[in-house]
């Protein structure tokens, strides 16, 4: 029976990883979260900071993160309208995972 419980544990791990990837969504989510760790940013500043990301992809990424509760969007009634993004508590809580991934890259990355 021990083998069956191991198989279930492996399925749970795989399921958890898939859930994380679904919540984070696009491949650019990690870059956006990393940028917002330093504090709120207006869309244009965020776009400059992650210049490798096309505007539409960035828009889709922040929307996805907002829909999943990691990012909050605040609109200021200026002319033109100013939009600022910041991390929610859920988004800030992801910081520990990002730091662990950075440690891994420093140890094992090709760069």
C-alpha atoms as a PDB file:
ATOM      1  CA  UNK A   1       0.000   0.000   0.000  1.00  0.00           C
ATOM      2  CA  UNK A   2       2.943   2.348   0.542  1.00  0.00           C
ATOM      3  CA  UNK A   3       3.421   2.528  -3.228  1.00  0.00           C
ATOM      4  CA  UNK A   4      -0.139   3.773  -3.712  1.00  0.00           C
ATOM      5  CA  UNK A   5       0.299   6.587  -1.224  1.00  0.00           C
ATOM      6  CA  UNK A   6       3.511   7.604  -3.017  1.00  0.00           C
ATOM      7  CA  UNK A   7       1.607   7.746  -6.303  1.00  0.00           C
ATOM      8  CA  UNK A   8      -1.083   9.904  -4.715  1.00  0.00           C
ATOM      9  CA  UNK A   9       1.573  12.235  -3.277  1.00  0.00           C
ATOM     10  CA  UNK A  10       3.169  12.570  -6.721  1.00  0.00           C
ATOM     11  CA  UNK A  11      -0.243  13.372  -8.233  1.00  0.00           C
ATOM     12  CA  UNK A  12      -0.836  16.007  -5.536  1.00  0.00           C
ATOM     13  CA  UNK A  13       2.545  17.595  -6.274  1.00  0.00           C
ATOM     14  CA  UNK A  14       1.860  17.661 -10.006  1.00  0.00           C
ATOM     15  CA  UNK A  15      -1.594  19.065  -9.398  1.00  0.00           C
ATOM     16  CA  UNK A  16      -0.190  21.784  -7.118  1.00  0.00           C
ATOM     17  CA  UNK A  17       2.395  22.816  -9.690  1.00  0.00           C
ATOM     18  CA  UNK A  18      -0.280  22.975 -12.398  1.00  0.00           C
ATOM     19  CA  UNK A  19      -2.444  25.108 -10.114  1.00  0.00           C
ATOM     20  CA  UNK A  20       0.419  27.547  -9.513  1.00  0.00           C
ATOM     21  CA  UNK A  21       1.054  27.804 -13.248  1.00  0.00           C
ATOM     22  CA  UNK A  22      -2.644  28.412 -13.923  1.00  0.00           C
ATOM     23  CA  UNK A  23      -2.764  31.176 -11.308  1.00  0.00           C
ATOM     24  CA  UNK A  24       0.368  32.838 -12.633  1.00  0.00           C
ATOM     25  CA  UNK A  25      -0.696  32.365 -16.230  1.00  0.00           C
ATOM     26  CA  UNK A  26       1.525  33.921 -18.860  1.00  0.00           C
ATOM     27  CA  UNK A  27       5.265  33.451 -18.972  1.00  0.00           C
ATOM     28  CA  UNK A  28       5.701  37.160 -18.235  1.00  0.00           C
ATOM     29  CA  UNK A  29       3.932  36.950 -14.868  1.00  0.00           C
ATOM     30  CA  UNK A  30       7.195  36.339 -13.013  1.00  0.00           C
ATOM     31  CA  UNK A  31       8.733  39.510 -14.468  1.00  0.00           C
ATOM     32  CA  UNK A  32       5.679  41.591 -13.567  1.00  0.00           C
ATOM     33  CA  UNK A  33       5.561  40.221 -10.024  1.00  0.00           C
ATOM     34  CA  UNK A  34       9.277  40.849  -9.588  1.00  0.00           C
ATOM     35  CA  UNK A  35       8.908  44.478 -10.702  1.00  0.00           C
ATOM     36  CA  UNK A  36       5.932  45.084  -8.419  1.00  0.00           C
ATOM     37  CA  UNK A  37       7.798  43.676  -5.400  1.00  0.00           C
ATOM     38  CA  UNK A  38       9.495  47.079  -5.143  1.00  0.00           C
ATOM     39  CA  UNK A  39       6.187  48.917  -4.930  1.00  0.00           C
ATOM     40  CA  UNK A  40       3.310  50.170  -7.096  1.00  0.00           C
ATOM     41  CA  UNK A  41       4.022  51.141 -10.677  1.00  0.00           C
ATOM     42  CA  UNK A  42       2.084  52.961 -13.327  1.00  0.00           C
ATOM     43  CA  UNK A  43       1.477  50.953 -16.470  1.00  0.00           C
ATOM     44  CA  UNK A  44       3.962  52.971 -18.554  1.00  0.00           C
ATOM     45  CA  UNK A  45       6.721  52.561 -15.972  1.00  0.00           C
ATOM     46  CA  UNK A  46       6.008  48.852 -15.697  1.00  0.00           C
ATOM     47  CA  UNK A  47       6.172  48.640 -19.481  1.00  0.00           C
ATOM     48  CA  UNK A  48       9.561  50.405 -19.544  1.00  0.00           C
ATOM     49  CA  UNK A  49      10.896  48.125 -16.808  1.00  0.00           C
ATOM     50  CA  UNK A  50       9.888  44.964 -18.668  1.00  0.00           C
ATOM     51  CA  UNK A  51      10.703  46.236 -22.143  1.00  0.00           C
ATOM     52  CA  UNK A  52      11.049  42.714 -23.544  1.00  0.00           C
ATOM     53  CA  UNK A  53       7.279  42.284 -23.163  1.00  0.00           C
ATOM     54  CA  UNK A  54       5.016  43.606 -25.913  1.00  0.00           C
ATOM     55  CA  UNK A  55       2.257  45.985 -24.766  1.00  0.00           C
ATOM     56  CA  UNK A  56      -0.609  43.570 -25.466  1.00  0.00           C
ATOM     57  CA  UNK A  57       1.164  40.721 -23.674  1.00  0.00           C
ATOM     58  CA  UNK A  58       1.797  42.956 -20.671  1.00  0.00           C
ATOM     59  CA  UNK A  59      -1.852  44.031 -20.642  1.00  0.00           C
ATOM     60  CA  UNK A  60      -2.964  40.401 -20.768  1.00  0.00           C
ATOM     61  CA  UNK A  61      -0.517  39.432 -18.029  1.00  0.00           C
ATOM     62  CA  UNK A  62      -1.567  42.141 -15.561  1.00  0.00           C
ATOM     63  CA  UNK A  63      -5.241  41.381 -16.248  1.00  0.00           C
ATOM     64  CA  UNK A  64      -4.664  37.703 -15.574  1.00  0.00           C
ATOM     65  CA  UNK A  65      -2.771  38.469 -12.358  1.00  0.00           C
ATOM     66  CA  UNK A  66      -5.529  40.858 -11.312  1.00  0.00           C
ATOM     67  CA  UNK A  67      -8.235  38.277 -12.029  1.00  0.00           C
ATOM     68  CA  UNK A  68      -6.340  35.778  -9.876  1.00  0.00           C
ATOM     69  CA  UNK A  69      -5.970  38.174  -6.953  1.00  0.00           C
ATOM     70  CA  UNK A  70      -2.196  38.794  -7.132  1.00  0.00           C
ATOM     71  CA  UNK A  71      -2.312  42.332  -8.498  1.00  0.00           C
ATOM     72  CA  UNK A  72      -4.645  45.229  -7.885  1.00  0.00           C
ATOM     73  CA  UNK A  73      -5.347  47.963 -10.423  1.00  0.00           C
ATOM     74  CA  UNK A  74      -6.054  51.531  -9.358  1.00  0.00           C
ATOM     75  CA  UNK A  75      -7.325  54.130 -11.813  1.00  0.00           C
ATOM     76  CA  UNK A  76      -6.689  57.820 -11.166  1.00  0.00           C
ATOM     77  CA  UNK A  77      -9.048  60.325 -12.830  1.00  0.00           C
ATOM     78  CA  UNK A  78      -6.331  62.334 -14.514  1.00  0.00           C
ATOM     79  CA  UNK A  79      -6.101  63.466 -18.116  1.00  0.00           C
ATOM     80  CA  UNK A  80      -5.055  61.146 -19.578  1.00  0.00           C
ATOM     81  CA  UNK A  81      -6.189  58.461 -17.139  1.00  0.00           C
ATOM     82  CA  UNK A  82      -3.398  57.068 -14.968  1.00  0.00           C
ATOM     83  CA  UNK A  83      -3.419  53.386 -14.067  1.00  0.00           C
ATOM     84  CA  UNK A  84      -1.264  52.026 -11.273  1.00  0.00           C
ATOM     85  CA  UNK A  85      -0.638  48.380 -10.419  1.00  0.00           C
ATOM     86  CA  UNK A  86       0.438  46.979  -7.079  1.00  0.00           C
ATOM     87  CA  UNK A  87       0.643  43.624  -5.396  1.00  0.00           C
ATOM     88  CA  UNK A  88      -2.093  42.342  -3.154  1.00  0.00           C
ATOM     89  CA  UNK A  89      -1.247  40.412   0.004  1.00  0.00           C
ATOM     90  CA  UNK A  90      -1.511  37.240  -2.072  1.00  0.00           C
ATOM     91  CA  UNK A  91       0.938  38.663  -4.610  1.00  0.00           C
ATOM     92  CA  UNK A  92       3.396  39.834  -1.943  1.00  0.00           C
ATOM     93  CA  UNK A  93       3.265  36.382  -0.376  1.00  0.00           C
ATOM     94  CA  UNK A  94       4.730  34.991  -3.593  1.00  0.00           C
ATOM     95  CA  UNK A  95       7.986  36.872  -2.914  1.00  0.00           C
ATOM     96  CA  UNK A  96       9.497  33.958  -0.993  1.00  0.00           C
ATOM     97  CA  UNK A  97       8.964  31.640  -3.969  1.00  0.00           C
ATOM     98  CA  UNK A  98      10.572  34.175  -6.326  1.00  0.00           C
ATOM     99  CA  UNK A  99      13.607  34.484  -4.037  1.00  0.00           C
ATOM    100  CA  UNK A 100      14.032  30.699  -3.962  1.00  0.00           C
ATOM    101  CA  UNK A 101      13.864  30.602  -7.759  1.00  0.00           C
ATOM    102  CA  UNK A 102      16.535  33.327  -7.924  1.00  0.00           C
ATOM    103  CA  UNK A 103      18.789  31.273  -5.624  1.00  0.00           C
ATOM    104  CA  UNK A 104      18.317  28.257  -7.866  1.00  0.00           C
ATOM    105  CA  UNK A 105      19.207  30.259 -10.998  1.00  0.00           C
ATOM    106  CA  UNK A 106      22.329  31.673  -9.344  1.00  0.00           C
ATOM    107  CA  UNK A 107      23.432  28.172  -8.460  1.00  0.00           C
ATOM    108  CA  UNK A 108      22.417  26.297 -11.607  1.00  0.00           C
ATOM    109  CA  UNK A 109      21.633  28.827 -14.340  1.00  0.00           C
ATOM    110  CA  UNK A 110      23.607  29.047 -17.561  1.00  0.00           C
ATOM    111  CA  UNK A 111      24.226  32.794 -17.405  1.00  0.00           C
END
